[in-house]
Amino acid sequence: MIKLKKLHHNAYRCIDSEDTRKFYEDFLGLPLTKAFKISETATGNKTKVLHTFYSLGDSSSLAFFEVLNDPLKYKRWHDFDLHIALEVEGPVLMDYFHKGKKSNIETRGISNHGFIKSIYFRDPNGYVIELTTPSDTNKDKNKVNPREILNEWTFSKNEKNK
């Protein structure tokens, strides 16, 4: 039995809270539901941070920290390094694809991964946002045991490293 109930929120750093809000609230339609300032860390260090939350349909959230005078270097993340995948209905996927192109937001796809179809955007912080919808194609492919695939991968990787 899985004891962990559900995702409450994922939190990320952001460059500018208002630019982030424009992308997540205005473009994606996720309502800004909470925001609070943090002026002192749990260890007593003074800081200037704004923490914002954007709600998803299942009541989980994407959250962001903007840290003033932040020495962190932001980068354009590669899809393999970090991306945030959000599920939508099929027709909504196409709507967002066209909306992204019209809004001059970096928009890629549509990628067919067999069990899902996806499009990709880049938010103002460099994060890749994937919108995905379940696909009915390749149902037999979905029945492959994921543990067998992992075991085969691990065995092959270890054999090559001998």
Protein backbone atom coordinates (compact mmCIF):
# COMPACT_ATOMS: atom_id res chain seq x y z
CA MET A 1 0.00 0.00 0.00
CA ILE A 2 1.30 3.42 -0.93
CA LYS A 3 1.19 5.64 2.16
CA LEU A 4 2.08 8.88 0.40
CA LYS A 5 -1.27 10.41 -0.58
CA LYS A 6 -0.54 12.83 -3.42
CA LEU A 7 1.72 15.60 -4.57
CA HIS A 8 1.06 18.77 -2.58
CA HIS A 9 3.45 21.01 -4.53
CA ASN A 10 6.69 21.07 -6.45
CA ALA A 11 8.81 24.15 -5.82
CA TYR A 12 11.32 25.83 -8.13
CA ARG A 13 13.42 28.98 -8.15
CA CYS A 14 12.35 31.81 -10.43
CA ILE A 15 14.00 34.91 -11.83
CA ASP A 16 11.02 37.27 -11.62
CA SER A 17 7.72 36.47 -9.87
CA GLU A 18 5.60 38.65 -12.15
CA ASP A 19 7.02 37.14 -15.36
CA THR A 20 6.46 33.72 -13.83
CA ARG A 21 2.86 34.68 -12.95
CA LYS A 22 2.20 35.84 -16.50
CA PHE A 23 3.27 32.45 -17.85
CA TYR A 24 1.57 30.19 -15.30
CA GLU A 25 -1.58 32.22 -14.65
CA ASP A 26 -2.17 34.22 -17.85
CA PHE A 27 -0.86 31.69 -20.40
CA LEU A 28 -1.45 28.28 -18.77
CA GLY A 29 -4.49 29.37 -16.73
CA LEU A 30 -3.24 28.16 -13.34
CA PRO A 31 -4.62 30.50 -10.66
CA LEU A 32 -2.21 32.18 -8.25
CA THR A 33 -3.57 30.88 -4.92
CA LYS A 34 -0.94 31.78 -2.33
CA ALA A 35 1.93 34.22 -1.98
CA PHE A 36 3.99 35.11 1.04
CA LYS A 37 7.26 36.82 1.84
CA ILE A 38 10.06 35.13 3.74
CA SER A 39 12.37 37.53 5.58
CA GLU A 40 14.19 35.04 7.79
CA THR A 41 15.17 31.40 7.28
CA ALA A 42 14.55 28.69 9.86
CA THR A 43 18.22 29.03 10.85
CA GLY A 44 17.86 32.78 11.51
CA ASN A 45 19.49 34.12 8.34
CA LYS A 46 17.99 37.31 6.93
CA THR A 47 16.62 36.93 3.40
CA LYS A 48 14.24 38.53 0.92
CA VAL A 49 12.15 35.83 -0.74
CA LEU A 50 8.70 35.70 -2.31
CA HIS A 51 7.05 32.26 -2.41
CA THR A 52 4.13 31.86 -4.85
CA PHE A 53 1.77 28.92 -5.56
CA TYR A 54 -0.27 28.12 -8.70
CA SER A 55 -3.05 25.56 -8.31
CA LEU A 56 -3.65 22.57 -10.59
CA GLY A 57 -7.02 20.87 -11.11
CA ASP A 58 -6.26 18.14 -8.55
CA SER A 59 -5.49 20.75 -5.82
CA SER A 60 -1.73 20.21 -6.05
CA SER A 61 0.41 23.22 -6.89
CA LEU A 62 3.48 24.44 -8.70
CA ALA A 63 5.37 26.83 -6.43
CA PHE A 64 8.20 29.28 -7.03
CA PHE A 65 10.77 31.13 -4.92
CA GLU A 66 12.10 34.50 -6.07
CA VAL A 67 15.19 35.36 -4.03
CA LEU A 68 16.30 39.00 -4.25
CA ASN A 69 20.02 39.54 -4.94
CA ASP A 70 20.23 35.89 -5.91
CA PRO A 71 23.69 34.70 -7.01
CA LEU A 72 22.17 31.55 -8.60
CA LYS A 73 22.91 31.26 -12.32
CA TYR A 74 19.80 30.23 -14.25
CA LYS A 75 20.03 28.02 -17.28
CA ARG A 76 17.86 26.74 -20.08
CA TRP A 77 17.19 23.22 -18.82
CA HIS A 78 17.33 20.30 -21.22
CA ASP A 79 14.20 18.12 -21.25
CA PHE A 80 16.24 15.19 -19.87
CA ASP A 81 17.53 17.25 -16.94
CA LEU A 82 14.31 18.76 -15.69
CA HIS A 83 10.82 19.28 -16.99
CA ILE A 84 7.37 19.67 -15.50
CA ALA A 85 4.70 17.50 -17.16
CA LEU A 86 1.02 18.42 -16.77
CA GLU A 87 -1.89 16.34 -18.11
CA VAL A 88 -4.62 17.84 -20.31
CA GLU A 89 -7.42 16.52 -22.52
CA GLY A 90 -6.61 15.86 -26.20
CA PRO A 91 -8.37 18.90 -27.70
CA VAL A 92 -6.82 21.14 -25.03
CA LEU A 93 -3.35 19.95 -26.11
CA MET A 94 -3.97 21.27 -29.62
CA ASP A 95 -5.41 24.53 -28.28
CA TYR A 96 -2.27 25.16 -26.21
CA PHE A 97 -0.03 24.21 -29.12
CA HIS A 98 -1.59 26.94 -31.26
CA LYS A 99 -1.77 29.39 -28.33
CA GLY A 100 1.96 28.93 -27.65
CA LYS A 101 2.87 29.57 -31.29
CA LYS A 102 0.62 32.67 -31.44
CA SER A 103 2.05 33.97 -28.15
CA ASN A 104 5.65 33.67 -29.40
CA ILE A 105 6.45 31.23 -26.60
CA GLU A 106 8.98 28.55 -27.50
CA THR A 107 6.65 25.67 -28.46
CA ARG A 108 7.72 22.19 -29.59
CA GLY A 109 5.82 19.05 -30.51
CA ILE A 110 3.57 17.27 -30.95
CA SER A 111 5.64 14.26 -29.83
CA ASN A 112 4.03 10.82 -29.81
CA HIS A 113 5.61 8.73 -27.03
CA GLY A 114 3.26 5.78 -27.63
CA PHE A 115 1.30 6.00 -24.38
CA ILE A 116 1.11 9.83 -24.38
CA LYS A 117 1.29 12.73 -26.83
CA SER A 118 3.11 15.85 -25.67
CA ILE A 119 3.95 19.45 -26.47
CA TYR A 120 6.68 21.47 -24.80
CA PHE A 121 7.06 25.11 -23.80
CA ARG A 122 9.84 27.00 -22.09
CA ASP A 123 8.82 29.22 -19.19
CA PRO A 124 10.52 32.56 -18.39
CA ASN A 125 12.90 30.80 -15.97
CA GLY A 126 14.22 28.31 -18.53
CA TYR A 127 12.16 25.35 -17.28
CA VAL A 128 10.58 23.04 -19.84
CA ILE A 129 6.83 22.62 -19.37
CA GLU A 130 5.29 19.55 -21.00
CA LEU A 131 1.56 19.32 -21.62
CA THR A 132 0.55 15.74 -22.25
CA THR A 133 -2.53 13.69 -23.04
CA PRO A 134 -2.94 9.90 -22.81
CA SER A 135 -2.82 8.12 -26.15
CA ASP A 136 -4.78 5.04 -27.20
CA THR A 137 -2.07 3.94 -29.62
CA ASN A 138 0.36 1.14 -28.84
CA LYS A 139 -1.74 -0.35 -26.03
CA ASP A 140 0.27 -3.57 -26.27
CA LYS A 141 3.47 -1.55 -25.75
CA ASN A 142 2.06 -0.29 -22.43
CA LYS A 143 1.71 -3.88 -21.16
CA VAL A 144 5.48 -4.41 -21.11
CA ASN A 145 6.66 -4.91 -17.54
CA PRO A 146 8.60 -1.77 -16.55
CA ARG A 147 10.72 -3.78 -14.10
CA GLU A 148 11.87 -6.05 -16.95
CA ILE A 149 12.89 -3.02 -18.99
CA LEU A 150 14.82 -1.56 -16.05
CA ASN A 151 16.54 -4.90 -15.35
CA GLU A 152 17.55 -5.25 -19.01
CA TRP A 153 18.87 -1.67 -19.04
CA THR A 154 20.89 -2.21 -15.87
CA PHE A 155 22.33 -5.51 -17.09
CA SER A 156 23.31 -4.03 -20.46
CA LYS A 157 24.86 -0.96 -18.85
CA ASN A 158 26.88 -3.09 -16.41
CA GLU A 159 28.08 -5.41 -19.20
CA LYS A 160 29.39 -2.44 -21.20
CA ASN A 161 31.27 -1.13 -18.15
CA LYS A 162 33.16 -4.40 -17.52
